[in-house]
Amino acid sequence: MQELAERYASLLRLPMSEVGGALETSVATLELLLPRDAKKDPKVRTYLETRLDVSAQQVVDRVAEEHGLRSIKLILSGRTLSAERRLDEQGVKNHSKVMVLRSCFLSFSSGGP
C-alpha cells in the first residue's frame, strides 16, 4: 500500500498522506446495471459510489431507495452477492459492474381445500 501511495502521490502531485488516506478508505465507483423499467434514460449509465467495507445489504437498501425498487439482489460476475458479507470480501472492486435484479418471493398458504 505504501509503494502504491508513493507512486500515485508523485503522479498526481499530491501529498503522500492524502493519497494513502484515499487508498485506505476503500471507496469505489460501481456501475449498476438496472432493470430496464427502472432506468430513466436507457442510454445513460448508472453509477454508485460506495465504500467496499460495507455489507452488500447496505448497498441493496441504498439502490432500492434511490431507484424506487423493492426485493432486489446484486449479481457480480454471475454470482449473487451475500447480503451479510462485505463487498470487498466478495470480490467487488472499483469499477465493478453489478447487475441489479428483482427477486420475486412467492408465499404459499398451508391451508387445506
N, C-alpha and C. Protein backbone atom coordinates (compact mmCIF):
# COMPACT_ATOMS: atom_id res chain seq x y z
N MET A 1 0.83 -1.19 0.00
CA MET A 1 0.00 0.00 0.00
C MET A 1 0.88 1.25 0.00
N GLN A 2 1.95 1.20 0.77
CA GLN A 2 2.87 2.33 0.87
C GLN A 2 3.47 2.67 -0.49
N GLU A 3 3.93 1.64 -1.23
CA GLU A 3 4.53 1.86 -2.54
C GLU A 3 3.52 2.46 -3.51
N LEU A 4 2.31 1.96 -3.45
CA LEU A 4 1.24 2.46 -4.32
C LEU A 4 0.96 3.94 -4.02
N ALA A 5 0.90 4.28 -2.75
CA ALA A 5 0.65 5.67 -2.35
C ALA A 5 1.78 6.58 -2.83
N GLU A 6 3.03 6.11 -2.70
CA GLU A 6 4.17 6.90 -3.16
C GLU A 6 4.11 7.14 -4.66
N ARG A 7 3.80 6.09 -5.40
CA ARG A 7 3.76 6.20 -6.86
C ARG A 7 2.67 7.18 -7.30
N TYR A 8 1.46 7.02 -6.76
CA TYR A 8 0.36 7.91 -7.16
C TYR A 8 0.54 9.33 -6.64
N ALA A 9 1.17 9.49 -5.50
CA ALA A 9 1.42 10.83 -4.96
C ALA A 9 2.29 11.62 -5.92
N SER A 10 3.33 10.98 -6.45
CA SER A 10 4.21 11.70 -7.38
C SER A 10 3.51 11.96 -8.71
N LEU A 11 2.72 11.01 -9.18
CA LEU A 11 1.99 11.20 -10.44
C LEU A 11 0.94 12.30 -10.33
N LEU A 12 0.26 12.34 -9.20
CA LEU A 12 -0.82 13.31 -9.01
C LEU A 12 -0.35 14.62 -8.40
N ARG A 13 0.92 14.63 -7.99
CA ARG A 13 1.49 15.82 -7.33
C ARG A 13 0.68 16.21 -6.09
N LEU A 14 0.39 15.19 -5.28
CA LEU A 14 -0.34 15.38 -4.03
C LEU A 14 0.51 14.84 -2.89
N PRO A 15 0.25 15.32 -1.67
CA PRO A 15 0.99 14.76 -0.52
C PRO A 15 0.69 13.27 -0.36
N MET A 16 1.71 12.53 -0.02
CA MET A 16 1.54 11.08 0.11
C MET A 16 0.50 10.72 1.18
N SER A 17 0.40 11.52 2.23
CA SER A 17 -0.58 11.23 3.27
C SER A 17 -2.01 11.29 2.73
N GLU A 18 -2.27 12.23 1.83
CA GLU A 18 -3.61 12.34 1.23
C GLU A 18 -3.92 11.13 0.36
N VAL A 19 -2.95 10.77 -0.48
CA VAL A 19 -3.15 9.63 -1.38
C VAL A 19 -3.30 8.34 -0.58
N GLY A 20 -2.47 8.16 0.43
CA GLY A 20 -2.55 6.97 1.28
C GLY A 20 -3.89 6.88 1.97
N GLY A 21 -4.38 8.01 2.47
CA GLY A 21 -5.68 8.04 3.12
C GLY A 21 -6.80 7.68 2.17
N ALA A 22 -6.71 8.17 0.94
CA ALA A 22 -7.74 7.87 -0.05
C ALA A 22 -7.74 6.38 -0.41
N LEU A 23 -6.55 5.80 -0.50
CA LEU A 23 -6.47 4.37 -0.82
C LEU A 23 -7.02 3.51 0.30
N GLU A 24 -6.84 3.94 1.54
CA GLU A 24 -7.29 3.14 2.67
C GLU A 24 -8.79 3.22 2.92
N THR A 25 -9.45 4.22 2.39
CA THR A 25 -10.89 4.33 2.64
C THR A 25 -11.69 3.32 1.86
N SER A 26 -11.08 2.67 0.89
CA SER A 26 -11.74 1.64 0.09
C SER A 26 -13.02 2.14 -0.56
N VAL A 27 -12.95 3.32 -1.14
CA VAL A 27 -14.11 3.87 -1.84
C VAL A 27 -14.06 3.39 -3.29
N ALA A 28 -15.21 3.00 -3.81
CA ALA A 28 -15.28 2.51 -5.18
C ALA A 28 -16.49 3.11 -5.88
N THR A 29 -16.36 3.21 -7.19
CA THR A 29 -17.49 3.59 -8.02
C THR A 29 -17.92 2.33 -8.76
N LEU A 30 -19.17 1.94 -8.57
CA LEU A 30 -19.72 0.75 -9.21
C LEU A 30 -20.65 1.16 -10.33
N GLU A 31 -20.61 0.42 -11.42
CA GLU A 31 -21.59 0.64 -12.49
C GLU A 31 -22.75 -0.30 -12.22
N LEU A 32 -23.95 0.27 -12.09
CA LEU A 32 -25.14 -0.52 -11.82
C LEU A 32 -25.86 -0.82 -13.13
N LEU A 33 -26.14 -2.08 -13.34
CA LEU A 33 -26.93 -2.50 -14.49
C LEU A 33 -28.35 -2.73 -13.98
N LEU A 34 -29.16 -1.69 -14.08
CA LEU A 34 -30.52 -1.70 -13.52
C LEU A 34 -31.50 -2.39 -14.45
N PRO A 35 -32.64 -2.86 -13.90
CA PRO A 35 -33.70 -3.36 -14.77
C PRO A 35 -34.15 -2.25 -15.72
N ARG A 36 -34.52 -2.61 -16.93
CA ARG A 36 -34.87 -1.60 -17.95
C ARG A 36 -35.91 -0.60 -17.49
N ASP A 37 -36.94 -1.07 -16.84
CA ASP A 37 -38.01 -0.16 -16.44
C ASP A 37 -37.63 0.73 -15.26
N ALA A 38 -36.47 0.49 -14.66
CA ALA A 38 -36.03 1.33 -13.54
C ALA A 38 -35.11 2.46 -14.01
N LYS A 39 -34.70 2.40 -15.28
CA LYS A 39 -33.79 3.42 -15.79
C LYS A 39 -34.58 4.60 -16.34
N LYS A 40 -34.13 5.79 -16.00
CA LYS A 40 -34.79 6.99 -16.52
C LYS A 40 -34.45 7.18 -17.99
N ASP A 41 -33.19 6.98 -18.34
CA ASP A 41 -32.73 7.10 -19.71
C ASP A 41 -31.88 5.87 -20.03
N PRO A 42 -32.34 5.01 -20.92
CA PRO A 42 -31.62 3.76 -21.19
C PRO A 42 -30.21 3.96 -21.74
N LYS A 43 -29.92 5.14 -22.27
CA LYS A 43 -28.61 5.39 -22.86
C LYS A 43 -27.59 5.89 -21.83
N VAL A 44 -28.06 6.27 -20.64
CA VAL A 44 -27.19 6.81 -19.61
C VAL A 44 -26.81 5.71 -18.62
N ARG A 45 -25.53 5.61 -18.34
CA ARG A 45 -25.05 4.61 -17.37
C ARG A 45 -25.33 5.10 -15.96
N THR A 46 -25.55 4.16 -15.06
CA THR A 46 -25.85 4.48 -13.66
C THR A 46 -24.68 4.05 -12.79
N TYR A 47 -24.19 4.97 -11.98
CA TYR A 47 -23.05 4.69 -11.10
C TYR A 47 -23.44 4.90 -9.65
N LEU A 48 -22.75 4.19 -8.78
CA LEU A 48 -22.95 4.32 -7.35
C LEU A 48 -21.58 4.36 -6.69
N GLU A 49 -21.35 5.39 -5.90
CA GLU A 49 -20.11 5.46 -5.15
C GLU A 49 -20.37 4.92 -3.75
N THR A 50 -19.53 3.99 -3.33
CA THR A 50 -19.73 3.35 -2.03
C THR A 50 -18.39 2.91 -1.46
N ARG A 51 -18.38 2.70 -0.18
CA ARG A 51 -17.22 2.07 0.45
C ARG A 51 -17.31 0.58 0.21
N LEU A 52 -16.17 -0.08 0.18
CA LEU A 52 -16.15 -1.52 -0.04
C LEU A 52 -16.18 -2.31 1.27
N ASP A 53 -16.06 -1.61 2.38
CA ASP A 53 -16.08 -2.31 3.67
C ASP A 53 -17.48 -2.30 4.29
N VAL A 54 -18.51 -2.16 3.46
CA VAL A 54 -19.90 -2.22 3.93
C VAL A 54 -20.53 -3.51 3.44
N SER A 55 -21.61 -3.91 4.08
CA SER A 55 -22.28 -5.14 3.66
C SER A 55 -23.03 -4.91 2.36
N ALA A 56 -23.22 -5.98 1.63
CA ALA A 56 -23.99 -5.90 0.39
C ALA A 56 -25.42 -5.45 0.69
N GLN A 57 -25.94 -5.78 1.88
CA GLN A 57 -27.30 -5.38 2.25
C GLN A 57 -27.42 -3.86 2.31
N GLN A 58 -26.37 -3.19 2.79
CA GLN A 58 -26.40 -1.73 2.84
C GLN A 58 -26.50 -1.15 1.43
N VAL A 59 -25.82 -1.75 0.49
CA VAL A 59 -25.88 -1.29 -0.91
C VAL A 59 -27.25 -1.62 -1.50
N VAL A 60 -27.78 -2.80 -1.21
CA VAL A 60 -29.12 -3.16 -1.68
C VAL A 60 -30.13 -2.14 -1.19
N ASP A 61 -30.07 -1.79 0.09
CA ASP A 61 -31.01 -0.82 0.66
C ASP A 61 -30.88 0.54 -0.03
N ARG A 62 -29.65 0.94 -0.27
CA ARG A 62 -29.42 2.24 -0.91
C ARG A 62 -29.92 2.27 -2.35
N VAL A 63 -29.61 1.22 -3.11
CA VAL A 63 -30.06 1.14 -4.51
C VAL A 63 -31.58 1.11 -4.56
N ALA A 64 -32.18 0.32 -3.70
CA ALA A 64 -33.63 0.22 -3.66
C ALA A 64 -34.27 1.58 -3.40
N GLU A 65 -33.71 2.31 -2.45
CA GLU A 65 -34.27 3.62 -2.10
C GLU A 65 -34.06 4.64 -3.23
N GLU A 66 -32.85 4.68 -3.77
CA GLU A 66 -32.53 5.69 -4.79
C GLU A 66 -33.25 5.46 -6.11
N HIS A 67 -33.59 4.20 -6.40
CA HIS A 67 -34.19 3.89 -7.70
C HIS A 67 -35.62 3.35 -7.59
N GLY A 68 -36.19 3.43 -6.40
CA GLY A 68 -37.57 3.02 -6.22
C GLY A 68 -37.82 1.55 -6.51
N LEU A 69 -36.91 0.71 -6.10
CA LEU A 69 -37.03 -0.73 -6.35
C LEU A 69 -37.30 -1.47 -5.04
N ARG A 70 -37.95 -2.62 -5.16
CA ARG A 70 -38.20 -3.48 -4.00
C ARG A 70 -37.72 -4.88 -4.31
N SER A 71 -37.34 -5.60 -3.29
CA SER A 71 -36.93 -7.01 -3.42
C SER A 71 -35.90 -7.20 -4.53
N ILE A 72 -34.71 -6.68 -4.31
CA ILE A 72 -33.66 -6.82 -5.31
C ILE A 72 -32.49 -7.61 -4.75
N LYS A 73 -31.68 -8.11 -5.67
CA LYS A 73 -30.43 -8.75 -5.30
C LYS A 73 -29.35 -8.24 -6.26
N LEU A 74 -28.11 -8.35 -5.83
CA LEU A 74 -26.99 -7.87 -6.61
C LEU A 74 -26.20 -9.04 -7.16
N ILE A 75 -25.83 -8.95 -8.44
CA ILE A 75 -25.10 -10.02 -9.11
C ILE A 75 -23.76 -9.46 -9.58
N LEU A 76 -22.68 -10.15 -9.27
CA LEU A 76 -21.34 -9.78 -9.72
C LEU A 76 -20.72 -10.99 -10.38
N SER A 77 -20.38 -10.87 -11.65
CA SER A 77 -19.75 -11.96 -12.40
C SER A 77 -20.52 -13.27 -12.28
N GLY A 78 -21.84 -13.18 -12.38
CA GLY A 78 -22.68 -14.37 -12.36
C GLY A 78 -22.99 -14.93 -10.98
N ARG A 79 -22.48 -14.29 -9.92
CA ARG A 79 -22.72 -14.76 -8.55
C ARG A 79 -23.57 -13.74 -7.80
N THR A 80 -24.52 -14.25 -7.04
CA THR A 80 -25.33 -13.38 -6.19
C THR A 80 -24.51 -13.00 -4.97
N LEU A 81 -24.45 -11.69 -4.71
CA LEU A 81 -23.71 -11.23 -3.53
C LEU A 81 -24.49 -11.58 -2.27
N SER A 82 -23.78 -12.08 -1.28
CA SER A 82 -24.38 -12.42 0.01
C SER A 82 -24.64 -11.14 0.77
N ALA A 83 -25.87 -10.94 1.22
CA ALA A 83 -26.28 -9.70 1.88
C ALA A 83 -25.49 -9.42 3.15
N GLU A 84 -25.10 -10.47 3.87
CA GLU A 84 -24.44 -10.28 5.16
C GLU A 84 -22.96 -9.96 5.02
N ARG A 85 -22.35 -10.35 3.92
CA ARG A 85 -20.90 -10.18 3.77
C ARG A 85 -20.54 -8.83 3.17
N ARG A 86 -19.34 -8.37 3.47
CA ARG A 86 -18.85 -7.10 2.95
C ARG A 86 -18.58 -7.21 1.44
N LEU A 87 -18.65 -6.08 0.77
CA LEU A 87 -18.40 -6.07 -0.67
C LEU A 87 -16.99 -6.54 -1.01
N ASP A 88 -15.99 -6.01 -0.31
CA ASP A 88 -14.61 -6.36 -0.62
C ASP A 88 -14.32 -7.85 -0.39
N GLU A 89 -15.03 -8.48 0.53
CA GLU A 89 -14.86 -9.91 0.78
C GLU A 89 -15.41 -10.76 -0.36
N GLN A 90 -16.25 -10.14 -1.18
CA GLN A 90 -16.90 -10.88 -2.26
C GLN A 90 -16.32 -10.52 -3.63
N GLY A 91 -15.20 -9.83 -3.64
CA GLY A 91 -14.52 -9.54 -4.89
C GLY A 91 -14.97 -8.27 -5.60
N VAL A 92 -15.78 -7.45 -4.94
CA VAL A 92 -16.21 -6.19 -5.56
C VAL A 92 -15.04 -5.22 -5.48
N LYS A 93 -14.75 -4.59 -6.62
CA LYS A 93 -13.65 -3.64 -6.70
C LYS A 93 -14.13 -2.36 -7.38
N ASN A 94 -13.29 -1.36 -7.38
CA ASN A 94 -13.61 -0.12 -8.08
C ASN A 94 -13.89 -0.44 -9.55
N HIS A 95 -14.92 0.14 -10.09
CA HIS A 95 -15.36 -0.02 -11.48
C HIS A 95 -15.99 -1.38 -11.77
N SER A 96 -16.37 -2.13 -10.73
CA SER A 96 -17.08 -3.39 -10.96
C SER A 96 -18.45 -3.09 -11.55
N LYS A 97 -18.90 -3.98 -12.43
CA LYS A 97 -20.26 -3.89 -12.97
C LYS A 97 -21.13 -4.83 -12.15
N VAL A 98 -22.16 -4.26 -11.56
CA VAL A 98 -23.05 -5.03 -10.69
C VAL A 98 -24.46 -5.00 -11.27
N MET A 99 -24.99 -6.18 -11.54
CA MET A 99 -26.34 -6.28 -12.07
C MET A 99 -27.34 -6.24 -10.92
N VAL A 100 -28.39 -5.46 -11.09
CA VAL A 100 -29.45 -5.35 -10.09
C VAL A 100 -30.65 -6.10 -10.63
N LEU A 101 -31.04 -7.16 -9.94
CA LEU A 101 -32.18 -7.98 -10.37
C LEU A 101 -33.28 -7.94 -9.33
N ARG A 102 -34.48 -7.91 -9.83
CA ARG A 102 -35.62 -8.04 -8.92
C ARG A 102 -35.72 -9.51 -8.53
N SER A 103 -35.99 -9.75 -7.25
CA SER A 103 -36.19 -11.12 -6.81
C SER A 103 -37.64 -11.25 -6.36
N CYS A 104 -38.28 -12.27 -6.83
CA CYS A 104 -39.70 -12.48 -6.50
C CYS A 104 -39.78 -13.53 -5.41
N PHE A 105 -40.58 -13.21 -4.43
CA PHE A 105 -40.82 -14.16 -3.35
C PHE A 105 -42.27 -14.59 -3.41
N LEU A 106 -42.46 -15.89 -3.49
CA LEU A 106 -43.82 -16.42 -3.52
C LEU A 106 -44.16 -16.94 -2.14
N SER A 107 -45.35 -16.66 -1.72
CA SER A 107 -45.77 -17.21 -0.43
C SER A 107 -46.88 -18.22 -0.67
N PHE A 108 -46.78 -19.32 0.01
CA PHE A 108 -47.76 -20.38 -0.12
C PHE A 108 -48.47 -20.55 1.21
N SER A 109 -49.77 -20.61 1.16
CA SER A 109 -50.50 -20.85 2.40
C SER A 109 -50.53 -22.35 2.66
N SER A 110 -50.55 -22.69 3.92
CA SER A 110 -50.54 -24.12 4.26
C SER A 110 -51.94 -24.63 4.54
N GLY A 111 -52.92 -23.81 4.24
CA GLY A 111 -54.32 -24.22 4.47
C GLY A 111 -54.77 -25.28 3.48
N GLY A 112 -55.68 -26.11 3.90
CA GLY A 112 -56.20 -27.16 3.04
C GLY A 112 -57.36 -26.68 2.21
N PRO A 113 -57.92 -27.54 1.36
CA PRO A 113 -59.04 -27.15 0.48
C PRO A 113 -60.33 -26.93 1.21
